[in-house]
């Protein structure tokens, strides 16, 4: 999609900006297989993204054939991995209680509050 007018240009700029902030905005990514991921928002909404064909099942993609999920899934995956690696490196030096607290918080972050 190339901008044909100022409204389309604004829409694309907004999508790109929001795509870069998925992790900071509380989204998580779960890889289903080599080409499919599930992106979950902080309020529990799930969006299926097919990375091979750059498609998503969200309403924005259905309307505009672009969305923040398609644009930002790879950065979200990298940011999430970096965060998990950082947490793991910190907890290696902690005792069993800290390990249990870490695992519970990570499960809550990745799976939502319904654990």
N, C-alpha and C. Protein backbone atom coordinates (compact mmCIF):
# COMPACT_ATOMS: atom_id res chain seq x y z
N UNK A 1 0.85 -1.17 0.00
CA UNK A 1 0.00 0.00 0.00
C UNK A 1 0.90 1.23 0.00
N UNK A 2 0.76 2.04 -1.01
CA UNK A 2 1.50 3.29 -1.09
C UNK A 2 0.54 4.43 -0.83
N UNK A 3 0.99 5.44 -0.11
CA UNK A 3 0.09 6.56 0.20
C UNK A 3 -0.35 7.29 -1.06
N UNK A 4 -1.65 7.43 -1.21
CA UNK A 4 -2.19 8.17 -2.34
C UNK A 4 -2.71 9.53 -1.90
N UNK A 5 -2.84 9.70 -0.60
CA UNK A 5 -3.31 10.97 -0.07
C UNK A 5 -2.79 11.13 1.35
N UNK A 6 -3.03 12.26 1.93
CA UNK A 6 -2.51 12.57 3.26
C UNK A 6 -3.10 11.65 4.33
N UNK A 7 -4.35 11.26 4.19
CA UNK A 7 -4.97 10.38 5.19
C UNK A 7 -4.32 9.00 5.18
N UNK A 8 -4.04 8.48 3.99
CA UNK A 8 -3.37 7.18 3.88
C UNK A 8 -1.95 7.27 4.43
N UNK A 9 -1.27 8.35 4.14
CA UNK A 9 0.09 8.54 4.66
C UNK A 9 0.07 8.57 6.19
N UNK A 10 -0.89 9.25 6.77
CA UNK A 10 -1.01 9.30 8.24
C UNK A 10 -1.31 7.92 8.81
N UNK A 11 -2.21 7.19 8.16
CA UNK A 11 -2.55 5.84 8.61
C UNK A 11 -1.31 4.95 8.62
N UNK A 12 -0.54 4.97 7.54
CA UNK A 12 0.67 4.14 7.46
C UNK A 12 1.71 4.57 8.49
N UNK A 13 1.87 5.86 8.68
CA UNK A 13 2.83 6.35 9.68
C UNK A 13 2.42 5.89 11.08
N UNK A 14 1.14 5.96 11.37
CA UNK A 14 0.62 5.52 12.67
C UNK A 14 0.84 4.01 12.85
N UNK A 15 0.56 3.23 11.81
CA UNK A 15 0.77 1.78 11.88
C UNK A 15 2.24 1.47 12.16
N UNK A 16 3.13 2.14 11.43
CA UNK A 16 4.56 1.89 11.61
C UNK A 16 5.01 2.26 13.02
N UNK A 17 4.54 3.38 13.51
CA UNK A 17 4.90 3.80 14.87
C UNK A 17 4.41 2.78 15.90
N UNK A 18 3.17 2.37 15.78
CA UNK A 18 2.59 1.41 16.73
C UNK A 18 3.25 0.04 16.61
N UNK A 19 3.66 -0.34 15.39
CA UNK A 19 4.33 -1.62 15.18
C UNK A 19 5.66 -1.68 15.93
N UNK A 20 6.34 -0.56 16.02
CA UNK A 20 7.63 -0.52 16.71
C UNK A 20 7.49 -0.59 18.22
N UNK A 21 6.29 -0.39 18.75
CA UNK A 21 6.05 -0.34 20.19
C UNK A 21 5.25 -1.54 20.72
N UNK A 22 5.11 -2.58 19.96
CA UNK A 22 4.27 -3.70 20.41
C UNK A 22 4.70 -4.24 21.77
N UNK A 23 5.98 -4.52 21.93
CA UNK A 23 6.46 -5.08 23.20
C UNK A 23 6.25 -4.09 24.34
N UNK A 24 6.60 -2.83 24.13
CA UNK A 24 6.44 -1.81 25.16
C UNK A 24 4.97 -1.63 25.52
N UNK A 25 4.07 -1.90 24.58
CA UNK A 25 2.64 -1.74 24.83
C UNK A 25 1.99 -3.00 25.40
N UNK A 26 2.81 -4.00 25.75
CA UNK A 26 2.30 -5.18 26.45
C UNK A 26 1.93 -6.37 25.58
N UNK A 27 2.28 -6.34 24.30
CA UNK A 27 1.98 -7.46 23.42
C UNK A 27 3.02 -8.56 23.61
N UNK A 28 2.59 -9.81 23.40
CA UNK A 28 3.51 -10.94 23.41
C UNK A 28 3.32 -11.75 22.14
N UNK A 29 4.34 -12.51 21.79
CA UNK A 29 4.31 -13.32 20.58
C UNK A 29 4.54 -14.78 20.94
N UNK A 30 3.75 -15.64 20.34
CA UNK A 30 3.93 -17.09 20.47
C UNK A 30 4.08 -17.65 19.07
N UNK A 31 5.19 -18.35 18.85
CA UNK A 31 5.42 -18.94 17.53
C UNK A 31 4.65 -20.25 17.45
N UNK A 32 3.83 -20.40 16.41
CA UNK A 32 3.04 -21.61 16.19
C UNK A 32 3.86 -22.60 15.38
N UNK A 33 4.46 -22.13 14.32
CA UNK A 33 5.33 -22.93 13.48
C UNK A 33 6.27 -21.99 12.74
N UNK A 34 6.93 -22.49 11.72
CA UNK A 34 7.92 -21.68 11.01
C UNK A 34 7.34 -20.40 10.42
N UNK A 35 6.07 -20.44 10.00
CA UNK A 35 5.49 -19.30 9.28
C UNK A 35 4.34 -18.62 10.01
N UNK A 36 3.91 -19.13 11.13
CA UNK A 36 2.74 -18.57 11.82
C UNK A 36 3.07 -18.19 13.25
N UNK A 37 2.57 -17.03 13.65
CA UNK A 37 2.72 -16.57 15.03
C UNK A 37 1.37 -16.08 15.53
N UNK A 38 1.22 -16.11 16.84
CA UNK A 38 0.05 -15.52 17.50
C UNK A 38 0.57 -14.33 18.30
N UNK A 39 -0.03 -13.18 18.07
CA UNK A 39 0.30 -11.98 18.84
C UNK A 39 -0.86 -11.72 19.78
N UNK A 40 -0.54 -11.61 21.07
CA UNK A 40 -1.57 -11.39 22.09
C UNK A 40 -1.38 -10.02 22.72
N UNK A 41 -2.47 -9.26 22.75
CA UNK A 41 -2.41 -7.93 23.36
C UNK A 41 -2.47 -8.05 24.88
N UNK A 42 -2.19 -6.96 25.56
CA UNK A 42 -2.19 -7.00 27.02
C UNK A 42 -3.58 -7.25 27.60
N UNK A 43 -4.63 -7.04 26.80
CA UNK A 43 -5.99 -7.33 27.29
C UNK A 43 -6.51 -8.68 26.80
N UNK A 44 -5.62 -9.50 26.19
CA UNK A 44 -5.96 -10.87 25.84
C UNK A 44 -6.45 -11.11 24.42
N UNK A 45 -6.58 -10.07 23.61
CA UNK A 45 -6.97 -10.28 22.21
C UNK A 45 -5.83 -10.96 21.47
N UNK A 46 -6.19 -11.93 20.62
CA UNK A 46 -5.18 -12.69 19.88
C UNK A 46 -5.34 -12.45 18.39
N UNK A 47 -4.18 -12.33 17.73
CA UNK A 47 -4.17 -12.08 16.29
C UNK A 47 -3.22 -13.07 15.63
N UNK A 48 -3.72 -13.78 14.63
CA UNK A 48 -2.90 -14.73 13.90
C UNK A 48 -2.21 -14.05 12.73
N UNK A 49 -0.88 -14.16 12.69
CA UNK A 49 -0.09 -13.57 11.62
C UNK A 49 0.62 -14.68 10.87
N UNK A 50 0.47 -14.68 9.55
CA UNK A 50 1.22 -15.59 8.69
C UNK A 50 2.38 -14.79 8.13
N UNK A 51 3.59 -15.11 8.60
CA UNK A 51 4.75 -14.31 8.24
C UNK A 51 5.19 -14.55 6.80
N UNK A 52 4.91 -15.71 6.25
CA UNK A 52 5.31 -16.01 4.87
C UNK A 52 4.60 -15.09 3.88
N UNK A 53 3.32 -14.84 4.12
CA UNK A 53 2.53 -14.03 3.19
C UNK A 53 2.18 -12.65 3.75
N UNK A 54 2.75 -12.31 4.90
CA UNK A 54 2.45 -11.02 5.54
C UNK A 54 0.96 -10.77 5.61
N UNK A 55 0.26 -11.67 6.30
CA UNK A 55 -1.18 -11.49 6.47
C UNK A 55 -1.54 -11.64 7.95
N UNK A 56 -2.68 -11.06 8.31
CA UNK A 56 -3.14 -11.07 9.70
C UNK A 56 -4.65 -11.19 9.71
N UNK A 57 -5.19 -11.73 10.79
CA UNK A 57 -6.65 -11.87 10.87
C UNK A 57 -7.32 -10.72 11.62
N UNK A 58 -6.59 -9.62 11.88
CA UNK A 58 -7.20 -8.47 12.57
C UNK A 58 -8.05 -7.65 11.61
N UNK A 59 -8.91 -6.82 12.19
CA UNK A 59 -9.82 -5.98 11.39
C UNK A 59 -9.06 -4.97 10.53
N UNK A 60 -8.00 -4.42 11.06
CA UNK A 60 -7.22 -3.42 10.31
C UNK A 60 -6.65 -4.05 9.04
N UNK A 61 -6.08 -5.26 9.17
CA UNK A 61 -5.52 -5.92 7.99
C UNK A 61 -6.62 -6.23 6.98
N UNK A 62 -7.75 -6.69 7.46
CA UNK A 62 -8.86 -7.01 6.55
C UNK A 62 -9.28 -5.79 5.75
N UNK A 63 -9.21 -4.61 6.36
CA UNK A 63 -9.64 -3.39 5.69
C UNK A 63 -8.54 -2.77 4.82
N UNK A 64 -7.29 -2.74 5.33
CA UNK A 64 -6.22 -1.99 4.67
C UNK A 64 -5.12 -2.85 4.05
N UNK A 65 -5.15 -4.16 4.30
CA UNK A 65 -4.11 -5.08 3.83
C UNK A 65 -2.74 -4.77 4.42
N UNK A 66 -2.71 -4.05 5.54
CA UNK A 66 -1.52 -3.78 6.34
C UNK A 66 -1.99 -3.61 7.77
N UNK A 67 -1.13 -3.89 8.72
CA UNK A 67 -1.46 -3.66 10.12
C UNK A 67 -0.18 -3.67 10.95
N UNK A 68 -0.30 -3.20 12.18
CA UNK A 68 0.87 -3.14 13.06
C UNK A 68 1.42 -4.53 13.37
N UNK A 69 0.56 -5.54 13.36
CA UNK A 69 1.01 -6.90 13.67
C UNK A 69 1.92 -7.44 12.57
N UNK A 70 1.53 -7.24 11.32
CA UNK A 70 2.34 -7.70 10.18
C UNK A 70 3.65 -6.91 10.12
N UNK A 71 3.56 -5.62 10.36
CA UNK A 71 4.75 -4.77 10.29
C UNK A 71 5.71 -5.06 11.45
N UNK A 72 5.18 -5.33 12.63
CA UNK A 72 6.02 -5.37 13.82
C UNK A 72 6.29 -6.71 14.45
N UNK A 73 5.81 -7.82 13.86
CA UNK A 73 5.96 -9.11 14.55
C UNK A 73 7.42 -9.48 14.78
N UNK A 74 8.30 -9.20 13.80
CA UNK A 74 9.70 -9.61 13.96
C UNK A 74 10.40 -8.80 15.05
N UNK A 75 10.11 -7.51 15.15
CA UNK A 75 10.70 -6.70 16.23
C UNK A 75 10.14 -7.16 17.58
N UNK A 76 8.86 -7.46 17.64
CA UNK A 76 8.26 -7.96 18.87
C UNK A 76 8.96 -9.24 19.31
N UNK A 77 9.20 -10.15 18.38
CA UNK A 77 9.86 -11.41 18.72
C UNK A 77 11.27 -11.16 19.26
N UNK A 78 12.01 -10.26 18.62
CA UNK A 78 13.37 -9.94 19.08
C UNK A 78 13.35 -9.26 20.45
N UNK A 79 12.45 -8.29 20.63
CA UNK A 79 12.36 -7.59 21.92
C UNK A 79 11.98 -8.54 23.04
N UNK A 80 11.04 -9.44 22.78
CA UNK A 80 10.60 -10.40 23.79
C UNK A 80 11.74 -11.34 24.16
N UNK A 81 12.47 -11.83 23.17
CA UNK A 81 13.60 -12.73 23.43
C UNK A 81 14.68 -12.02 24.24
N UNK A 82 14.96 -10.79 23.89
CA UNK A 82 15.96 -10.01 24.63
C UNK A 82 15.54 -9.84 26.09
N UNK A 83 14.28 -9.55 26.32
CA UNK A 83 13.76 -9.40 27.67
C UNK A 83 13.86 -10.72 28.45
N UNK A 84 13.47 -11.81 27.83
CA UNK A 84 13.53 -13.12 28.49
C UNK A 84 14.97 -13.50 28.80
N UNK A 85 15.89 -13.25 27.86
CA UNK A 85 17.30 -13.55 28.10
C UNK A 85 17.84 -12.73 29.27
N UNK A 86 17.44 -11.47 29.33
CA UNK A 86 17.87 -10.60 30.43
C UNK A 86 17.35 -11.14 31.76
N UNK A 87 16.08 -11.52 31.81
CA UNK A 87 15.53 -12.06 33.05
C UNK A 87 16.22 -13.36 33.44
N UNK A 88 16.48 -14.21 32.46
CA UNK A 88 17.13 -15.49 32.75
C UNK A 88 18.54 -15.26 33.30
N UNK A 89 19.26 -14.32 32.73
CA UNK A 89 20.62 -14.07 33.21
C UNK A 89 20.61 -13.53 34.64
N UNK A 90 19.57 -12.80 35.00
CA UNK A 90 19.48 -12.29 36.37
C UNK A 90 19.11 -13.38 37.36
N UNK A 91 18.23 -14.27 36.95
CA UNK A 91 17.74 -15.24 37.93
C UNK A 91 18.68 -16.42 38.12
N UNK A 92 19.63 -16.62 37.24
CA UNK A 92 20.58 -17.72 37.39
C UNK A 92 21.31 -17.60 38.73
N UNK A 93 21.54 -16.39 39.18
CA UNK A 93 22.28 -16.16 40.42
C UNK A 93 21.39 -16.16 41.66
N UNK A 94 20.10 -16.32 41.50
CA UNK A 94 19.17 -16.23 42.62
C UNK A 94 18.86 -17.62 43.19
N UNK A 95 18.17 -17.65 44.33
CA UNK A 95 17.80 -18.90 44.97
C UNK A 95 16.51 -19.47 44.38
N UNK A 96 16.03 -20.59 44.92
CA UNK A 96 14.85 -21.26 44.39
C UNK A 96 13.60 -20.39 44.48
N UNK A 97 13.47 -19.60 45.52
CA UNK A 97 12.30 -18.72 45.65
C UNK A 97 12.27 -17.70 44.52
N UNK A 98 13.40 -17.10 44.24
CA UNK A 98 13.47 -16.13 43.15
C UNK A 98 13.16 -16.80 41.82
N UNK A 99 13.61 -18.03 41.66
CA UNK A 99 13.33 -18.77 40.44
C UNK A 99 11.82 -18.98 40.28
N UNK A 100 11.16 -19.36 41.36
CA UNK A 100 9.71 -19.59 41.30
C UNK A 100 8.97 -18.29 40.99
N UNK A 101 9.39 -17.19 41.60
CA UNK A 101 8.75 -15.90 41.34
C UNK A 101 8.95 -15.50 39.88
N UNK A 102 10.16 -15.68 39.38
CA UNK A 102 10.45 -15.36 37.98
C UNK A 102 9.59 -16.19 37.04
N UNK A 103 9.54 -17.50 37.28
CA UNK A 103 8.76 -18.37 36.39
C UNK A 103 7.29 -18.00 36.40
N UNK A 104 6.75 -17.69 37.56
CA UNK A 104 5.35 -17.28 37.64
C UNK A 104 5.11 -15.97 36.89
N UNK A 105 6.00 -15.00 37.05
CA UNK A 105 5.81 -13.72 36.36
C UNK A 105 5.96 -13.88 34.86
N UNK A 106 6.87 -14.73 34.43
CA UNK A 106 7.03 -14.97 32.99
C UNK A 106 5.81 -15.67 32.42
N UNK A 107 5.28 -16.64 33.14
CA UNK A 107 4.06 -17.31 32.68
C UNK A 107 2.90 -16.33 32.59
N UNK A 108 2.78 -15.47 33.58
CA UNK A 108 1.71 -14.45 33.53
C UNK A 108 1.91 -13.53 32.33
N UNK A 109 3.13 -13.15 32.05
CA UNK A 109 3.41 -12.25 30.93
C UNK A 109 3.11 -12.94 29.60
N UNK A 110 3.52 -14.18 29.47
CA UNK A 110 3.36 -14.88 28.19
C UNK A 110 1.97 -15.46 28.00
N UNK A 111 1.33 -15.87 29.08
CA UNK A 111 0.04 -16.56 28.97
C UNK A 111 -1.13 -15.71 29.42
N UNK A 112 -0.88 -14.57 29.96
CA UNK A 112 -1.96 -13.75 30.48
C UNK A 112 -2.18 -14.04 31.95
N UNK A 113 -3.07 -13.32 32.54
CA UNK A 113 -3.30 -13.45 33.99
C UNK A 113 -4.09 -14.69 34.34
N UNK A 114 -4.55 -15.46 33.36
CA UNK A 114 -5.43 -16.61 33.62
C UNK A 114 -4.66 -17.90 33.83
N UNK A 115 -3.62 -17.88 34.67
CA UNK A 115 -2.90 -19.13 34.96
C UNK A 115 -3.22 -19.58 36.36
